[in-house]
Amino acid sequence: VDMPCNQNSVNQVFKDNIKTGEIESVNKPGMRIDDGGAVSAAINTTMSRL
């Protein structure tokens, strides 16, 4: 389901881990955004640096 970002949802808060280069959930430890092995990740999100 393609839905817009909900900026008030704690489940949609991610941070950039500069040590690993991964984008990970702030509120769900271990949850990361994966590109599925693609050359580049297709991510439609609203991000802010924490």
PDB file of N, CA and C in Angstrom:
ATOM      1  N   VAL A   1       0.851  -1.176   0.000  1.00  0.00           N
ATOM      2  CA  VAL A   1       0.000   0.000   0.000  1.00  0.00           C
ATOM      3  C   VAL A   1       0.891   1.231   0.000  1.00  0.00           C
ATOM      4  N   ASP A   2       0.684   2.091  -0.962  1.00  0.00           N
ATOM      5  CA  ASP A   2       1.456   3.327  -1.076  1.00  0.00           C
ATOM      6  C   ASP A   2       0.732   4.420  -0.305  1.00  0.00           C
ATOM      7  N   MET A   3       1.321   4.843   0.814  1.00  0.00           N
ATOM      8  CA  MET A   3       0.704   5.870   1.645  1.00  0.00           C
ATOM      9  C   MET A   3       1.723   6.968   1.926  1.00  0.00           C
ATOM     10  N   PRO A   4       1.257   8.199   2.124  1.00  0.00           N
ATOM     11  CA  PRO A   4       2.187   9.284   2.432  1.00  0.00           C
ATOM     12  C   PRO A   4       2.788   9.113   3.826  1.00  0.00           C
ATOM     13  N   CYS A   5       3.897   9.771   4.062  1.00  0.00           N
ATOM     14  CA  CYS A   5       4.527   9.741   5.384  1.00  0.00           C
ATOM     15  C   CYS A   5       3.632  10.427   6.400  1.00  0.00           C
ATOM     16  N   ASN A   6       3.618   9.890   7.605  1.00  0.00           N
ATOM     17  CA  ASN A   6       2.915  10.510   8.719  1.00  0.00           C
ATOM     18  C   ASN A   6       3.982  11.027   9.671  1.00  0.00           C
ATOM     19  N   GLN A   7       4.222  12.313   9.658  1.00  0.00           N
ATOM     20  CA  GLN A   7       5.301  12.889  10.454  1.00  0.00           C
ATOM     21  C   GLN A   7       5.052  12.793  11.951  1.00  0.00           C
ATOM     22  N   ASN A   8       3.823  12.432  12.369  1.00  0.00           N
ATOM     23  CA  ASN A   8       3.511  12.288  13.787  1.00  0.00           C
ATOM     24  C   ASN A   8       3.664  10.850  14.275  1.00  0.00           C
ATOM     25  N   SER A   9       3.967   9.918  13.384  1.00  0.00           N
ATOM     26  CA  SER A   9       4.082   8.506  13.744  1.00  0.00           C
ATOM     27  C   SER A   9       5.486   8.190  14.257  1.00  0.00           C
ATOM     28  N   VAL A  10       5.570   7.635  15.479  1.00  0.00           N
ATOM     29  CA  VAL A  10       6.873   7.260  16.034  1.00  0.00           C
ATOM     30  C   VAL A  10       7.478   6.091  15.268  1.00  0.00           C
ATOM     31  N   ASN A  11       6.667   5.361  14.496  1.00  0.00           N
ATOM     32  CA  ASN A  11       7.160   4.239  13.704  1.00  0.00           C
ATOM     33  C   ASN A  11       7.848   4.688  12.423  1.00  0.00           C
ATOM     34  N   GLN A  12       7.772   5.981  12.101  1.00  0.00           N
ATOM     35  CA  GLN A  12       8.366   6.493  10.877  1.00  0.00           C
ATOM     36  C   GLN A  12       9.523   7.450  11.160  1.00  0.00           C
ATOM     37  N   VAL A  13      10.170   7.269  12.310  1.00  0.00           N
ATOM     38  CA  VAL A  13      11.308   8.103  12.681  1.00  0.00           C
ATOM     39  C   VAL A  13      12.579   7.275  12.489  1.00  0.00           C
ATOM     40  N   PHE A  14      13.439   7.709  11.574  1.00  0.00           N
ATOM     41  CA  PHE A  14      14.675   6.993  11.259  1.00  0.00           C
ATOM     42  C   PHE A  14      15.862   7.930  11.407  1.00  0.00           C
ATOM     43  N   LYS A  15      17.028   7.348  11.618  1.00  0.00           N
ATOM     44  CA  LYS A  15      18.257   8.137  11.713  1.00  0.00           C
ATOM     45  C   LYS A  15      19.328   7.498  10.851  1.00  0.00           C
ATOM     46  N   ASP A  16      20.282   8.305  10.455  1.00  0.00           N
ATOM     47  CA  ASP A  16      21.420   7.866   9.651  1.00  0.00           C
ATOM     48  C   ASP A  16      22.542   7.470  10.604  1.00  0.00           C
ATOM     49  N   ASN A  17      22.956   6.201  10.564  1.00  0.00           N
ATOM     50  CA  ASN A  17      24.063   5.732  11.392  1.00  0.00           C
ATOM     51  C   ASN A  17      25.355   5.967  10.617  1.00  0.00           C
ATOM     52  N   ILE A  18      26.134   6.960  11.037  1.00  0.00           N
ATOM     53  CA  ILE A  18      27.340   7.312  10.277  1.00  0.00           C
ATOM     54  C   ILE A  18      28.425   6.242  10.377  1.00  0.00           C
ATOM     55  N   LYS A  19      28.376   5.388  11.397  1.00  0.00           N
ATOM     56  CA  LYS A  19      29.371   4.316  11.529  1.00  0.00           C
ATOM     57  C   LYS A  19      29.128   3.192  10.532  1.00  0.00           C
ATOM     58  N   THR A  20      27.848   2.822  10.327  1.00  0.00           N
ATOM     59  CA  THR A  20      27.527   1.692   9.448  1.00  0.00           C
ATOM     60  C   THR A  20      27.024   2.126   8.081  1.00  0.00           C
ATOM     61  N   GLY A  21      26.599   3.407   7.959  1.00  0.00           N
ATOM     62  CA  GLY A  21      26.028   3.883   6.705  1.00  0.00           C
ATOM     63  C   GLY A  21      24.590   3.443   6.505  1.00  0.00           C
ATOM     64  N   GLU A  22      23.986   2.848   7.543  1.00  0.00           N
ATOM     65  CA  GLU A  22      22.613   2.364   7.442  1.00  0.00           C
ATOM     66  C   GLU A  22      21.623   3.404   7.949  1.00  0.00           C
ATOM     67  N   ILE A  23      20.400   3.303   7.476  1.00  0.00           N
ATOM     68  CA  ILE A  23      19.297   4.120   7.963  1.00  0.00           C
ATOM     69  C   ILE A  23      18.491   3.212   8.874  1.00  0.00           C
ATOM     70  N   GLU A  24      18.370   3.593  10.158  1.00  0.00           N
ATOM     71  CA  GLU A  24      17.735   2.712  11.126  1.00  0.00           C
ATOM     72  C   GLU A  24      16.632   3.417  11.905  1.00  0.00           C
ATOM     73  N   SER A  25      15.709   2.609  12.413  1.00  0.00           N
ATOM     74  CA  SER A  25      14.590   3.113  13.193  1.00  0.00           C
ATOM     75  C   SER A  25      15.083   3.649  14.528  1.00  0.00           C
ATOM     76  N   VAL A  26      14.532   4.785  14.953  1.00  0.00           N
ATOM     77  CA  VAL A  26      14.874   5.358  16.248  1.00  0.00           C
ATOM     78  C   VAL A  26      14.166   4.585  17.361  1.00  0.00           C
ATOM     79  N   ASN A  27      12.927   4.144  17.105  1.00  0.00           N
ATOM     80  CA  ASN A  27      12.101   3.533  18.139  1.00  0.00           C
ATOM     81  C   ASN A  27      12.044   2.013  18.104  1.00  0.00           C
ATOM     82  N   LYS A  28      12.585   1.389  17.074  1.00  0.00           N
ATOM     83  CA  LYS A  28      12.564  -0.071  16.963  1.00  0.00           C
ATOM     84  C   LYS A  28      13.989  -0.567  16.720  1.00  0.00           C
ATOM     85  N   PRO A  29      14.728  -0.853  17.794  1.00  0.00           N
ATOM     86  CA  PRO A  29      16.115  -1.297  17.646  1.00  0.00           C
ATOM     87  C   PRO A  29      16.234  -2.497  16.702  1.00  0.00           C
ATOM     88  N   GLY A  30      17.201  -2.445  15.810  1.00  0.00           N
ATOM     89  CA  GLY A  30      17.430  -3.535  14.869  1.00  0.00           C
ATOM     90  C   GLY A  30      16.690  -3.393  13.555  1.00  0.00           C
ATOM     91  N   MET A  31      15.713  -2.482  13.466  1.00  0.00           N
ATOM     92  CA  MET A  31      14.975  -2.284  12.215  1.00  0.00           C
ATOM     93  C   MET A  31      15.724  -1.285  11.344  1.00  0.00           C
ATOM     94  N   ARG A  32      16.041  -1.715  10.115  1.00  0.00           N
ATOM     95  CA  ARG A  32      16.783  -0.867   9.185  1.00  0.00           C
ATOM     96  C   ARG A  32      16.099  -0.856   7.825  1.00  0.00           C
ATOM     97  N   ILE A  33      16.358   0.175   7.041  1.00  0.00           N
ATOM     98  CA  ILE A  33      15.841   0.236   5.677  1.00  0.00           C
ATOM     99  C   ILE A  33      16.814  -0.521   4.789  1.00  0.00           C
ATOM    100  N   ASP A  34      16.289  -1.459   4.002  1.00  0.00           N
ATOM    101  CA  ASP A  34      17.100  -2.314   3.138  1.00  0.00           C
ATOM    102  C   ASP A  34      16.764  -2.005   1.685  1.00  0.00           C
ATOM    103  N   ASP A  35      17.786  -1.970   0.835  1.00  0.00           N
ATOM    104  CA  ASP A  35      17.547  -1.711  -0.586  1.00  0.00           C
ATOM    105  C   ASP A  35      17.219  -2.982  -1.356  1.00  0.00           C
ATOM    106  N   GLY A  36      17.194  -4.130  -0.690  1.00  0.00           N
ATOM    107  CA  GLY A  36      16.851  -5.385  -1.348  1.00  0.00           C
ATOM    108  C   GLY A  36      17.899  -5.861  -2.333  1.00  0.00           C
ATOM    109  N   GLY A  37      19.116  -5.335  -2.243  1.00  0.00           N
ATOM    110  CA  GLY A  37      20.186  -5.734  -3.141  1.00  0.00           C
ATOM    111  C   GLY A  37      20.250  -4.917  -4.413  1.00  0.00           C
ATOM    112  N   ALA A  38      19.409  -3.912  -4.523  1.00  0.00           N
ATOM    113  CA  ALA A  38      19.398  -3.065  -5.714  1.00  0.00           C
ATOM    114  C   ALA A  38      20.649  -2.182  -5.751  1.00  0.00           C
ATOM    115  N   VAL A  39      20.925  -1.654  -6.919  1.00  0.00           N
ATOM    116  CA  VAL A  39      22.069  -0.750  -7.073  1.00  0.00           C
ATOM    117  C   VAL A  39      21.863   0.505  -6.237  1.00  0.00           C
ATOM    118  N   SER A  40      20.634   0.995  -6.191  1.00  0.00           N
ATOM    119  CA  SER A  40      20.319   2.145  -5.349  1.00  0.00           C
ATOM    120  C   SER A  40      18.964   1.925  -4.695  1.00  0.00           C
ATOM    121  N   ALA A  41      18.833   2.388  -3.476  1.00  0.00           N
ATOM    122  CA  ALA A  41      17.580   2.218  -2.739  1.00  0.00           C
ATOM    123  C   ALA A  41      16.550   3.227  -3.220  1.00  0.00           C
ATOM    124  N   ALA A  42      15.333   2.776  -3.362  1.00  0.00           N
ATOM    125  CA  ALA A  42      14.222   3.660  -3.722  1.00  0.00           C
ATOM    126  C   ALA A  42      13.427   3.925  -2.457  1.00  0.00           C
ATOM    127  N   ILE A  43      13.644   5.074  -1.852  1.00  0.00           N
ATOM    128  CA  ILE A  43      12.999   5.404  -0.589  1.00  0.00           C
ATOM    129  C   ILE A  43      12.246   6.710  -0.760  1.00  0.00           C
ATOM    130  N   ASN A  44      10.957   6.678  -0.439  1.00  0.00           N
ATOM    131  CA  ASN A  44      10.141   7.881  -0.459  1.00  0.00           C
ATOM    132  C   ASN A  44       9.815   8.201   0.984  1.00  0.00           C
ATOM    133  N   THR A  45      10.557   9.112   1.575  1.00  0.00           N
ATOM    134  CA  THR A  45      10.385   9.380   2.995  1.00  0.00           C
ATOM    135  C   THR A  45      10.732  10.823   3.309  1.00  0.00           C
ATOM    136  N   THR A  46      10.277  11.265   4.439  1.00  0.00           N
ATOM    137  CA  THR A  46      10.639  12.573   4.954  1.00  0.00           C
ATOM    138  C   THR A  46      11.602  12.327   6.098  1.00  0.00           C
ATOM    139  N   MET A  47      12.819  12.825   5.988  1.00  0.00           N
ATOM    140  CA  MET A  47      13.820  12.550   7.018  1.00  0.00           C
ATOM    141  C   MET A  47      14.358  13.842   7.597  1.00  0.00           C
ATOM    142  N   SER A  48      14.700  13.773   8.864  1.00  0.00           N
ATOM    143  CA  SER A  48      15.409  14.881   9.492  1.00  0.00           C
ATOM    144  C   SER A  48      16.541  14.295  10.314  1.00  0.00           C
ATOM    145  N   ARG A  49      17.632  14.985  10.376  1.00  0.00           N
ATOM    146  CA  ARG A  49      18.796  14.496  11.121  1.00  0.00           C
ATOM    147  C   ARG A  49      18.542  14.705  12.603  1.00  0.00           C
ATOM    148  N   LEU A  50      18.747  13.631  13.385  1.00  0.00           N
ATOM    149  CA  LEU A  50      18.546  13.706  14.836  1.00  0.00           C
ATOM    150  C   LEU A  50      19.851  13.971  15.537  1.00  0.00           C
TER     151      LEU A  50
END
